[in-house]
């Protein structure tokens, strides 16, 4: 830092294993940084892309404000209602062109529940989207059935033991019926 402005960073591993005489010779001017108004999602993306474990937080005119680590971001995200409140989690898969957050929320709300959180990811090489849905209820059986009626593939459920037990009971009943 010079005059309160950050000009580079040094990694601890480099200091420990370096044969250089001064830390100044180890300064990397291409450091990873975010503006202090950057959203957590963007900061996490920037840190991930840089493969660094931390990121410098800068204010106006590159004034150093602090540092943020991956751990600090995860802790901040964990304070979200999506994480804090109990409820079932459904993992739903669909074609990319079929994805509609408003339709998914409408289906869930039509069953008397609320969508607390939605996390999207791409399914590699298939052109499909996987959505993790956090609900405000543990009993998700009616919601699962409704999503399936609208051609959403429910590929996993978490926290809804009643649904799993009902499926197992129905399967056992079907097997007994087939044996007759």
N, C-alpha and C. Protein backbone atom coordinates (compact mmCIF):
# COMPACT_ATOMS: atom_id res chain seq x y z
N UNK A 1 0.84 -1.17 0.00
CA UNK A 1 0.00 0.00 0.00
C UNK A 1 0.89 1.23 0.00
N UNK A 2 0.46 2.20 -0.78
CA UNK A 2 1.13 3.50 -0.79
C UNK A 2 0.05 4.56 -0.73
N UNK A 3 0.13 5.44 0.22
CA UNK A 3 -0.84 6.51 0.40
C UNK A 3 -2.26 5.97 0.51
N UNK A 4 -2.43 4.84 1.18
CA UNK A 4 -3.76 4.25 1.37
C UNK A 4 -4.30 3.50 0.17
N UNK A 5 -3.54 3.45 -0.91
CA UNK A 5 -3.99 2.75 -2.11
C UNK A 5 -3.26 1.41 -2.21
N UNK A 6 -4.01 0.40 -2.63
CA UNK A 6 -3.44 -0.93 -2.77
C UNK A 6 -2.81 -1.08 -4.14
N UNK A 7 -1.58 -1.53 -4.17
CA UNK A 7 -0.87 -1.69 -5.44
C UNK A 7 -0.55 -3.15 -5.76
N UNK A 8 -0.83 -4.04 -4.87
CA UNK A 8 -0.56 -5.45 -5.13
C UNK A 8 -0.76 -6.29 -3.89
N UNK A 9 -0.65 -7.59 -4.08
CA UNK A 9 -0.79 -8.53 -2.97
C UNK A 9 0.36 -9.53 -2.99
N UNK A 10 0.54 -10.18 -1.87
CA UNK A 10 1.55 -11.23 -1.74
C UNK A 10 0.86 -12.43 -1.10
N UNK A 11 1.06 -13.61 -1.68
CA UNK A 11 0.51 -14.83 -1.11
C UNK A 11 1.44 -15.36 -0.03
N UNK A 12 0.87 -15.84 1.06
CA UNK A 12 1.65 -16.35 2.19
C UNK A 12 2.59 -17.47 1.76
N UNK A 13 2.10 -18.39 0.94
CA UNK A 13 2.94 -19.50 0.46
C UNK A 13 4.18 -19.00 -0.25
N UNK A 14 4.01 -17.92 -1.03
CA UNK A 14 5.16 -17.36 -1.75
C UNK A 14 6.19 -16.80 -0.78
N UNK A 15 5.72 -16.16 0.29
CA UNK A 15 6.65 -15.61 1.29
C UNK A 15 7.44 -16.72 1.97
N UNK A 16 6.75 -17.80 2.30
CA UNK A 16 7.39 -18.90 3.03
C UNK A 16 8.42 -19.62 2.16
N UNK A 17 8.07 -19.85 0.90
CA UNK A 17 8.91 -20.68 0.04
C UNK A 17 9.84 -19.89 -0.89
N UNK A 18 9.81 -18.59 -0.81
CA UNK A 18 10.60 -17.77 -1.73
C UNK A 18 12.05 -17.63 -1.26
N UNK A 19 12.91 -17.49 -2.23
CA UNK A 19 14.32 -17.24 -1.94
C UNK A 19 14.65 -15.75 -2.11
N UNK A 20 13.63 -14.94 -2.42
CA UNK A 20 13.83 -13.50 -2.60
C UNK A 20 14.17 -12.86 -1.26
N UNK A 21 14.91 -11.76 -1.33
CA UNK A 21 15.33 -11.07 -0.12
C UNK A 21 14.25 -10.15 0.45
N UNK A 22 13.39 -9.62 -0.41
CA UNK A 22 12.39 -8.66 0.06
C UNK A 22 10.98 -9.10 -0.35
N UNK A 23 10.03 -8.71 0.45
CA UNK A 23 8.63 -8.99 0.14
C UNK A 23 8.21 -8.18 -1.08
N UNK A 24 8.78 -6.99 -1.21
CA UNK A 24 8.43 -6.13 -2.35
C UNK A 24 8.64 -6.85 -3.68
N UNK A 25 9.63 -7.71 -3.76
CA UNK A 25 9.89 -8.43 -5.02
C UNK A 25 8.82 -9.49 -5.29
N UNK A 26 8.01 -9.82 -4.29
CA UNK A 26 6.96 -10.83 -4.45
C UNK A 26 5.58 -10.23 -4.73
N UNK A 27 5.48 -8.91 -4.70
CA UNK A 27 4.18 -8.25 -4.88
C UNK A 27 3.63 -8.53 -6.27
N UNK A 28 2.38 -8.97 -6.30
CA UNK A 28 1.67 -9.24 -7.55
C UNK A 28 0.74 -8.06 -7.82
N UNK A 29 1.03 -7.25 -8.85
CA UNK A 29 0.18 -6.09 -9.12
C UNK A 29 -1.17 -6.50 -9.73
N UNK A 30 -1.32 -7.74 -10.17
CA UNK A 30 -2.57 -8.20 -10.78
C UNK A 30 -3.49 -8.85 -9.77
N UNK A 31 -3.69 -8.22 -8.63
CA UNK A 31 -4.47 -8.81 -7.55
C UNK A 31 -5.97 -8.84 -7.88
N UNK A 32 -6.66 -9.74 -7.19
CA UNK A 32 -8.11 -9.87 -7.33
C UNK A 32 -8.77 -8.89 -6.37
N UNK A 33 -9.72 -8.12 -6.89
CA UNK A 33 -10.39 -7.15 -6.03
C UNK A 33 -11.84 -6.97 -6.43
N UNK A 34 -12.61 -6.47 -5.48
CA UNK A 34 -14.00 -6.09 -5.73
C UNK A 34 -14.24 -4.72 -5.11
N UNK A 35 -15.21 -4.02 -5.64
CA UNK A 35 -15.62 -2.73 -5.08
C UNK A 35 -16.44 -3.02 -3.83
N UNK A 36 -16.42 -2.13 -2.85
CA UNK A 36 -17.11 -2.39 -1.59
C UNK A 36 -18.62 -2.52 -1.75
N UNK A 37 -19.19 -2.07 -2.87
CA UNK A 37 -20.63 -2.21 -3.12
C UNK A 37 -20.98 -3.48 -3.89
N UNK A 38 -20.01 -4.33 -4.17
CA UNK A 38 -20.24 -5.55 -4.95
C UNK A 38 -21.12 -6.52 -4.17
N UNK A 39 -22.09 -7.12 -4.85
CA UNK A 39 -22.97 -8.11 -4.21
C UNK A 39 -22.18 -9.37 -3.89
N UNK A 40 -22.59 -10.08 -2.86
CA UNK A 40 -21.91 -11.31 -2.46
C UNK A 40 -21.82 -12.33 -3.59
N UNK A 41 -22.88 -12.46 -4.39
CA UNK A 41 -22.87 -13.43 -5.50
C UNK A 41 -21.74 -13.10 -6.47
N UNK A 42 -21.61 -11.81 -6.79
CA UNK A 42 -20.55 -11.39 -7.72
C UNK A 42 -19.17 -11.57 -7.10
N UNK A 43 -19.03 -11.26 -5.82
CA UNK A 43 -17.74 -11.45 -5.15
C UNK A 43 -17.35 -12.92 -5.15
N UNK A 44 -18.30 -13.80 -4.90
CA UNK A 44 -18.02 -15.24 -4.91
C UNK A 44 -17.58 -15.70 -6.30
N UNK A 45 -18.25 -15.19 -7.33
CA UNK A 45 -17.89 -15.54 -8.71
C UNK A 45 -16.47 -15.07 -9.03
N UNK A 46 -16.14 -13.86 -8.62
CA UNK A 46 -14.81 -13.29 -8.90
C UNK A 46 -13.72 -14.09 -8.19
N UNK A 47 -13.95 -14.44 -6.93
CA UNK A 47 -12.96 -15.24 -6.20
C UNK A 47 -12.82 -16.62 -6.84
N UNK A 48 -13.94 -17.22 -7.22
CA UNK A 48 -13.90 -18.55 -7.85
C UNK A 48 -13.10 -18.51 -9.15
N UNK A 49 -13.36 -17.50 -9.98
CA UNK A 49 -12.67 -17.38 -11.26
C UNK A 49 -11.17 -17.15 -11.08
N UNK A 50 -10.80 -16.44 -10.03
CA UNK A 50 -9.38 -16.15 -9.80
C UNK A 50 -8.65 -17.31 -9.11
N UNK A 51 -9.41 -18.24 -8.57
CA UNK A 51 -8.86 -19.38 -7.83
C UNK A 51 -8.10 -18.94 -6.57
N UNK A 52 -8.37 -17.74 -6.11
CA UNK A 52 -7.74 -17.23 -4.89
C UNK A 52 -8.62 -17.61 -3.70
N UNK A 53 -8.07 -17.58 -2.51
CA UNK A 53 -8.86 -17.88 -1.32
C UNK A 53 -9.45 -16.62 -0.70
N UNK A 54 -9.00 -15.47 -1.19
CA UNK A 54 -9.50 -14.20 -0.68
C UNK A 54 -9.45 -13.15 -1.78
N UNK A 55 -10.05 -12.01 -1.46
CA UNK A 55 -10.16 -10.95 -2.45
C UNK A 55 -10.08 -9.61 -1.72
N UNK A 56 -9.37 -8.67 -2.29
CA UNK A 56 -9.25 -7.33 -1.71
C UNK A 56 -10.54 -6.56 -1.96
N UNK A 57 -10.98 -5.82 -0.96
CA UNK A 57 -12.16 -4.96 -1.10
C UNK A 57 -11.66 -3.53 -1.18
N UNK A 58 -12.04 -2.86 -2.27
CA UNK A 58 -11.55 -1.50 -2.51
C UNK A 58 -12.70 -0.51 -2.51
N UNK A 59 -12.40 0.69 -2.04
CA UNK A 59 -13.36 1.78 -2.08
C UNK A 59 -13.10 2.66 -3.29
N UNK A 60 -13.51 3.90 -3.18
CA UNK A 60 -13.29 4.86 -4.26
C UNK A 60 -11.80 5.08 -4.47
N UNK A 61 -11.39 5.32 -5.68
CA UNK A 61 -9.99 5.60 -6.03
C UNK A 61 -9.02 4.52 -5.54
N UNK A 62 -9.46 3.27 -5.57
CA UNK A 62 -8.63 2.12 -5.18
C UNK A 62 -8.16 2.17 -3.73
N UNK A 63 -8.89 2.87 -2.89
CA UNK A 63 -8.54 2.90 -1.46
C UNK A 63 -8.84 1.53 -0.87
N UNK A 64 -7.89 0.98 -0.13
CA UNK A 64 -8.06 -0.34 0.48
C UNK A 64 -9.06 -0.25 1.61
N UNK A 65 -10.10 -1.10 1.59
CA UNK A 65 -11.12 -1.12 2.63
C UNK A 65 -10.94 -2.35 3.52
N UNK A 66 -10.58 -3.47 2.91
CA UNK A 66 -10.41 -4.70 3.68
C UNK A 66 -10.21 -5.89 2.76
N UNK A 67 -10.49 -7.04 3.31
CA UNK A 67 -10.32 -8.28 2.56
C UNK A 67 -11.52 -9.17 2.85
N UNK A 68 -11.94 -9.95 1.87
CA UNK A 68 -13.04 -10.89 2.05
C UNK A 68 -12.55 -12.27 1.61
N UNK A 69 -12.90 -13.26 2.40
CA UNK A 69 -12.47 -14.63 2.09
C UNK A 69 -13.67 -15.46 1.63
N UNK A 70 -13.38 -16.60 1.01
CA UNK A 70 -14.46 -17.51 0.62
C UNK A 70 -15.27 -17.91 1.84
N UNK A 71 -14.60 -18.16 2.94
CA UNK A 71 -15.28 -18.56 4.17
C UNK A 71 -16.23 -17.47 4.65
N UNK A 72 -15.82 -16.22 4.59
CA UNK A 72 -16.67 -15.11 5.02
C UNK A 72 -17.91 -15.00 4.13
N UNK A 73 -17.75 -15.25 2.84
CA UNK A 73 -18.90 -15.19 1.92
C UNK A 73 -19.88 -16.32 2.23
N UNK A 74 -19.36 -17.51 2.45
CA UNK A 74 -20.23 -18.65 2.78
C UNK A 74 -20.97 -18.37 4.09
N UNK A 75 -20.29 -17.81 5.08
CA UNK A 75 -20.95 -17.48 6.35
C UNK A 75 -22.05 -16.44 6.14
N UNK A 76 -21.80 -15.43 5.31
CA UNK A 76 -22.81 -14.41 5.04
C UNK A 76 -24.01 -15.01 4.31
N UNK A 77 -23.76 -15.88 3.35
CA UNK A 77 -24.86 -16.52 2.62
C UNK A 77 -25.67 -17.45 3.52
N UNK A 78 -25.02 -18.04 4.52
CA UNK A 78 -25.72 -18.97 5.41
C UNK A 78 -26.72 -18.26 6.31
N UNK A 79 -26.64 -16.95 6.42
CA UNK A 79 -27.59 -16.19 7.23
C UNK A 79 -28.91 -15.97 6.50
N UNK A 80 -28.96 -16.37 5.25
CA UNK A 80 -30.16 -16.21 4.43
C UNK A 80 -31.31 -17.03 5.00
N UNK A 81 -32.52 -16.53 4.85
CA UNK A 81 -33.72 -17.25 5.26
C UNK A 81 -33.80 -18.60 4.56
N UNK A 82 -33.28 -18.67 3.35
CA UNK A 82 -33.27 -19.92 2.60
C UNK A 82 -32.53 -21.00 3.37
N UNK A 83 -31.46 -20.65 4.02
CA UNK A 83 -30.66 -21.61 4.77
C UNK A 83 -31.20 -21.79 6.19
N UNK A 84 -31.56 -20.69 6.83
CA UNK A 84 -31.92 -20.71 8.25
C UNK A 84 -33.24 -21.41 8.55
N UNK A 85 -34.25 -21.24 7.71
CA UNK A 85 -35.57 -21.80 8.00
C UNK A 85 -35.63 -23.26 7.58
N UNK A 86 -36.31 -24.06 8.41
CA UNK A 86 -36.44 -25.48 8.06
C UNK A 86 -37.49 -25.64 6.96
N UNK A 87 -37.35 -26.69 6.20
CA UNK A 87 -38.28 -27.00 5.13
C UNK A 87 -37.67 -27.99 4.17
N UNK A 88 -38.52 -28.60 3.38
CA UNK A 88 -38.05 -29.59 2.41
C UNK A 88 -37.29 -28.90 1.28
N UNK A 89 -36.38 -29.65 0.68
CA UNK A 89 -35.66 -29.20 -0.50
C UNK A 89 -35.96 -30.19 -1.61
N UNK A 90 -36.42 -29.68 -2.74
CA UNK A 90 -36.69 -30.51 -3.91
C UNK A 90 -35.67 -30.16 -4.98
N UNK A 91 -35.17 -31.16 -5.67
CA UNK A 91 -34.29 -30.92 -6.81
C UNK A 91 -35.08 -31.31 -8.04
N UNK A 92 -35.27 -30.32 -8.91
CA UNK A 92 -36.12 -30.47 -10.09
C UNK A 92 -35.27 -30.23 -11.32
N UNK A 93 -35.47 -31.05 -12.34
CA UNK A 93 -34.72 -30.90 -13.58
C UNK A 93 -35.69 -30.66 -14.73
N UNK A 94 -35.27 -29.81 -15.67
CA UNK A 94 -36.12 -29.48 -16.81
C UNK A 94 -35.26 -29.02 -17.98
N UNK A 95 -35.85 -29.00 -19.17
CA UNK A 95 -35.17 -28.43 -20.33
C UNK A 95 -34.99 -26.93 -20.08
N UNK A 96 -33.91 -26.37 -20.59
CA UNK A 96 -33.62 -24.95 -20.36
C UNK A 96 -34.77 -24.06 -20.83
N UNK A 97 -35.39 -24.39 -21.96
CA UNK A 97 -36.48 -23.55 -22.48
C UNK A 97 -37.75 -23.69 -21.64
N UNK A 98 -37.84 -24.71 -20.81
CA UNK A 98 -39.02 -24.94 -19.97
C UNK A 98 -38.94 -24.16 -18.65
N UNK A 99 -37.75 -23.71 -18.27
CA UNK A 99 -37.58 -23.08 -16.97
C UNK A 99 -38.35 -21.77 -16.86
N UNK A 100 -39.15 -21.66 -15.81
CA UNK A 100 -39.86 -20.43 -15.50
C UNK A 100 -40.01 -20.35 -13.98
N UNK A 101 -39.29 -19.41 -13.37
CA UNK A 101 -39.36 -19.29 -11.91
C UNK A 101 -40.77 -18.92 -11.46
N UNK A 102 -41.46 -18.11 -12.26
CA UNK A 102 -42.81 -17.71 -11.87
C UNK A 102 -43.77 -18.90 -11.92
N UNK A 103 -43.61 -19.79 -12.91
CA UNK A 103 -44.49 -20.97 -12.97
C UNK A 103 -44.19 -21.91 -11.81
N UNK A 104 -42.92 -22.13 -11.51
CA UNK A 104 -42.56 -23.00 -10.39
C UNK A 104 -43.13 -22.44 -9.09
N UNK A 105 -42.97 -21.14 -8.86
CA UNK A 105 -43.50 -20.52 -7.65
C UNK A 105 -45.03 -20.63 -7.61
N UNK A 106 -45.68 -20.44 -8.75
CA UNK A 106 -47.15 -20.54 -8.80
C UNK A 106 -47.61 -21.95 -8.43
N UNK A 107 -46.93 -22.96 -8.95
CA UNK A 107 -47.29 -24.36 -8.64
C UNK A 107 -47.13 -24.61 -7.14
N UNK A 108 -46.03 -24.16 -6.57
CA UNK A 108 -45.78 -24.36 -5.14
C UNK A 108 -46.82 -23.61 -4.31
N UNK A 109 -47.09 -22.37 -4.66
CA UNK A 109 -48.04 -21.56 -3.90
C UNK A 109 -49.47 -22.07 -4.05
N UNK A 110 -49.79 -22.70 -5.18
CA UNK A 110 -51.14 -23.26 -5.36
C UNK A 110 -51.39 -24.43 -4.41
N UNK A 111 -50.32 -24.98 -3.85
CA UNK A 111 -50.44 -26.07 -2.88
C UNK A 111 -50.32 -25.55 -1.44
N UNK A 112 -50.39 -24.23 -1.27
CA UNK A 112 -50.39 -23.63 0.06
C UNK A 112 -49.02 -23.47 0.70
N UNK A 113 -47.97 -23.60 -0.07
CA UNK A 113 -46.61 -23.46 0.46
C UNK A 113 -45.95 -22.23 -0.16
N UNK A 114 -44.76 -21.94 0.30
CA UNK A 114 -43.98 -20.82 -0.25
C UNK A 114 -42.61 -21.31 -0.69
N UNK A 115 -42.11 -20.68 -1.73
CA UNK A 115 -40.76 -20.94 -2.22
C UNK A 115 -39.81 -19.98 -1.50
N UNK A 116 -38.97 -20.51 -0.61
CA UNK A 116 -38.05 -19.67 0.15
C UNK A 116 -36.76 -19.39 -0.59
N UNK A 117 -36.38 -20.31 -1.46
CA UNK A 117 -35.12 -20.13 -2.17
C UNK A 117 -35.06 -20.99 -3.41
N UNK A 118 -34.25 -20.54 -4.35
CA UNK A 118 -34.11 -21.21 -5.64
C UNK A 118 -32.65 -21.14 -6.04
N UNK A 119 -32.03 -22.27 -6.32
CA UNK A 119 -30.63 -22.32 -6.73
C UNK A 119 -30.57 -23.06 -8.05
N UNK A 120 -30.00 -22.44 -9.07
CA UNK A 120 -29.95 -23.03 -10.40
C UNK A 120 -28.55 -23.50 -10.75
N UNK A 121 -28.50 -24.60 -11.50
CA UNK A 121 -27.23 -25.07 -12.04
C UNK A 121 -27.49 -25.76 -13.37
N UNK A 122 -26.48 -25.74 -14.22
CA UNK A 122 -26.58 -26.42 -15.51
C UNK A 122 -26.24 -27.88 -15.34
N UNK A 123 -26.95 -28.73 -16.07
CA UNK A 123 -26.61 -30.14 -16.11
C UNK A 123 -25.69 -30.29 -17.31
N UNK A 124 -24.46 -30.66 -17.04
CA UNK A 124 -23.42 -30.70 -18.07
C UNK A 124 -23.87 -31.45 -19.32
N UNK A 125 -23.64 -30.83 -20.47
CA UNK A 125 -23.80 -31.42 -21.80
C UNK A 125 -25.21 -31.91 -22.14
N UNK A 126 -26.21 -31.57 -21.32
CA UNK A 126 -27.55 -32.06 -21.63
C UNK A 126 -28.50 -30.95 -22.05
N UNK A 127 -28.10 -29.69 -21.85
CA UNK A 127 -28.99 -28.59 -22.18
C UNK A 127 -30.14 -28.46 -21.19
N UNK A 128 -30.00 -29.09 -20.03
CA UNK A 128 -31.05 -29.04 -19.02
C UNK A 128 -30.59 -28.19 -17.84
N UNK A 129 -31.57 -27.76 -17.07
CA UNK A 129 -31.32 -26.96 -15.88
C UNK A 129 -31.78 -27.75 -14.67
N UNK A 130 -31.02 -27.66 -13.60
CA UNK A 130 -31.39 -28.28 -12.34
C UNK A 130 -31.67 -27.16 -11.35
N UNK A 131 -32.85 -27.21 -10.73
CA UNK A 131 -33.23 -26.19 -9.76
C UNK A 131 -33.42 -26.85 -8.40
N UNK A 132 -32.73 -26.32 -7.40
CA UNK A 132 -32.95 -26.76 -6.02
C UNK A 132 -33.94 -25.78 -5.40
N UNK A 133 -35.05 -26.30 -4.92
CA UNK A 133 -36.14 -25.48 -4.41
C UNK A 133 -36.25 -25.66 -2.90
N UNK A 134 -36.11 -24.59 -2.14
CA UNK A 134 -36.28 -24.65 -0.68
C UNK A 134 -37.70 -24.20 -0.37
N UNK A 135 -38.44 -25.05 0.34
CA UNK A 135 -39.84 -24.78 0.67
C UNK A 135 -39.98 -24.41 2.15
N UNK A 136 -41.10 -23.81 2.49
CA UNK A 136 -41.35 -23.46 3.89
C UNK A 136 -42.11 -24.56 4.62
N UNK A 137 -42.20 -25.73 4.03
CA UNK A 137 -42.90 -26.85 4.64
C UNK A 137 -42.08 -28.12 4.51
N UNK A 138 -42.26 -29.02 5.47
CA UNK A 138 -41.59 -30.31 5.39
C UNK A 138 -42.39 -31.29 4.53
N UNK A 139 -43.70 -31.10 4.48
CA UNK A 139 -44.57 -32.02 3.74
C UNK A 139 -44.70 -31.53 2.30
N UNK A 140 -43.98 -32.19 1.40
CA UNK A 140 -43.93 -31.72 0.02
C UNK A 140 -44.60 -32.66 -0.97
N UNK A 141 -45.31 -33.66 -0.49
CA UNK A 141 -45.89 -34.66 -1.40
C UNK A 141 -46.81 -34.04 -2.44
N UNK A 142 -47.72 -33.18 -2.02
CA UNK A 142 -48.65 -32.55 -2.99
C UNK A 142 -47.89 -31.67 -3.97
N UNK A 143 -46.87 -30.99 -3.50
CA UNK A 143 -46.07 -30.12 -4.38
C UNK A 143 -45.32 -30.97 -5.41
N UNK A 144 -44.75 -32.07 -4.96
CA UNK A 144 -44.04 -32.97 -5.88
C UNK A 144 -44.99 -33.47 -6.96
N UNK A 145 -46.18 -33.91 -6.54
CA UNK A 145 -47.16 -34.41 -7.51
C UNK A 145 -47.56 -33.32 -8.51
N UNK A 146 -47.74 -32.09 -8.02
CA UNK A 146 -48.12 -30.99 -8.92
C UNK A 146 -46.99 -30.67 -9.90
N UNK A 147 -45.77 -30.63 -9.42
CA UNK A 147 -44.64 -30.37 -10.31
C UNK A 147 -44.54 -31.45 -11.39
N UNK A 148 -44.76 -32.69 -11.01
CA UNK A 148 -44.71 -33.78 -11.98
C UNK A 148 -45.84 -33.67 -12.99
N UNK A 149 -47.02 -33.21 -12.56
CA UNK A 149 -48.14 -32.99 -13.49
C UNK A 149 -47.78 -31.96 -14.56
N UNK A 150 -46.94 -31.00 -14.18
CA UNK A 150 -46.52 -29.96 -15.12
C UNK A 150 -45.21 -30.32 -15.83
N UNK A 151 -44.87 -31.60 -15.83
CA UNK A 151 -43.72 -32.15 -16.56
C UNK A 151 -42.36 -31.70 -16.03
N UNK A 152 -42.29 -31.42 -14.74
CA UNK A 152 -41.00 -31.17 -14.11
C UNK A 152 -40.52 -32.50 -13.52
N UNK A 153 -39.26 -32.84 -13.75
CA UNK A 153 -38.69 -34.07 -13.22
C UNK A 153 -38.15 -33.82 -11.82
N UNK A 154 -38.81 -34.35 -10.81
CA UNK A 154 -38.33 -34.23 -9.43
C UNK A 154 -37.34 -35.37 -9.23
N UNK A 155 -36.05 -35.01 -9.18
CA UNK A 155 -35.02 -36.06 -9.15
C UNK A 155 -34.51 -36.35 -7.73
N UNK A 156 -34.82 -35.47 -6.78
CA UNK A 156 -34.40 -35.73 -5.39
C UNK A 156 -35.25 -34.91 -4.44
N UNK A 157 -35.44 -35.45 -3.25
CA UNK A 157 -36.13 -34.73 -2.18
C UNK A 157 -35.30 -34.87 -0.91
N UNK A 158 -35.28 -33.81 -0.13
CA UNK A 158 -34.55 -33.82 1.14
C UNK A 158 -35.45 -33.21 2.20
N UNK A 159 -35.52 -33.85 3.35
CA UNK A 159 -36.27 -33.30 4.46
C UNK A 159 -37.75 -33.61 4.44
N UNK A 160 -38.22 -34.42 3.49
CA UNK A 160 -39.62 -34.81 3.46
C UNK A 160 -39.71 -36.32 3.62
N UNK A 161 -39.59 -36.76 4.86
CA UNK A 161 -39.61 -38.19 5.15
C UNK A 161 -40.97 -38.81 4.85
N UNK A 162 -42.05 -38.02 5.04
CA UNK A 162 -43.39 -38.55 4.76
C UNK A 162 -43.52 -38.97 3.30
N UNK A 163 -43.00 -38.17 2.39
CA UNK A 163 -43.10 -38.50 0.97
C UNK A 163 -42.35 -39.80 0.68
N UNK A 164 -41.15 -39.91 1.20
CA UNK A 164 -40.35 -41.11 0.96
C UNK A 164 -41.05 -42.35 1.53
N UNK A 165 -41.61 -42.20 2.74
CA UNK A 165 -42.32 -43.33 3.35
C UNK A 165 -43.55 -43.72 2.53
N UNK A 166 -44.29 -42.73 2.03
CA UNK A 166 -45.47 -43.02 1.20
C UNK A 166 -45.09 -43.74 -0.08
N UNK A 167 -44.02 -43.30 -0.72
CA UNK A 167 -43.57 -43.95 -1.95
C UNK A 167 -43.18 -45.40 -1.65
N UNK A 168 -42.45 -45.60 -0.57
CA UNK A 168 -42.05 -46.96 -0.20
C UNK A 168 -43.27 -47.83 0.10
N UNK A 169 -44.24 -47.28 0.84
CA UNK A 169 -45.47 -48.03 1.15
C UNK A 169 -46.22 -48.39 -0.12
N UNK A 170 -46.34 -47.44 -1.03
CA UNK A 170 -47.05 -47.69 -2.29
C UNK A 170 -46.32 -48.74 -3.13
N UNK A 171 -44.99 -48.66 -3.14
CA UNK A 171 -44.21 -49.63 -3.89
C UNK A 171 -44.40 -51.03 -3.31
N UNK A 172 -44.35 -51.13 -1.98
CA UNK A 172 -44.56 -52.43 -1.33
C UNK A 172 -45.96 -52.96 -1.63
N UNK A 173 -46.96 -52.08 -1.60
CA UNK A 173 -48.33 -52.51 -1.93
C UNK A 173 -48.41 -53.00 -3.36
N UNK A 174 -47.77 -52.31 -4.27
CA UNK A 174 -47.76 -52.72 -5.67
C UNK A 174 -47.10 -54.08 -5.83
N UNK A 175 -45.99 -54.30 -5.15
CA UNK A 175 -45.29 -55.58 -5.23
C UNK A 175 -46.17 -56.71 -4.69
N UNK A 176 -46.88 -56.45 -3.58
CA UNK A 176 -47.79 -57.46 -3.03
C UNK A 176 -48.92 -57.74 -4.01
N UNK A 177 -49.45 -56.72 -4.64
CA UNK A 177 -50.53 -56.88 -5.61
C UNK A 177 -50.06 -57.70 -6.81
N UNK A 178 -48.85 -57.42 -7.29
CA UNK A 178 -48.29 -58.15 -8.44
C UNK A 178 -48.07 -59.62 -8.08
N UNK A 179 -47.68 -59.90 -6.84
CA UNK A 179 -47.45 -61.28 -6.41
C UNK A 179 -48.73 -62.10 -6.35
N UNK A 180 -49.87 -61.45 -6.21
CA UNK A 180 -51.14 -62.19 -6.12
C UNK A 180 -51.44 -62.83 -7.39
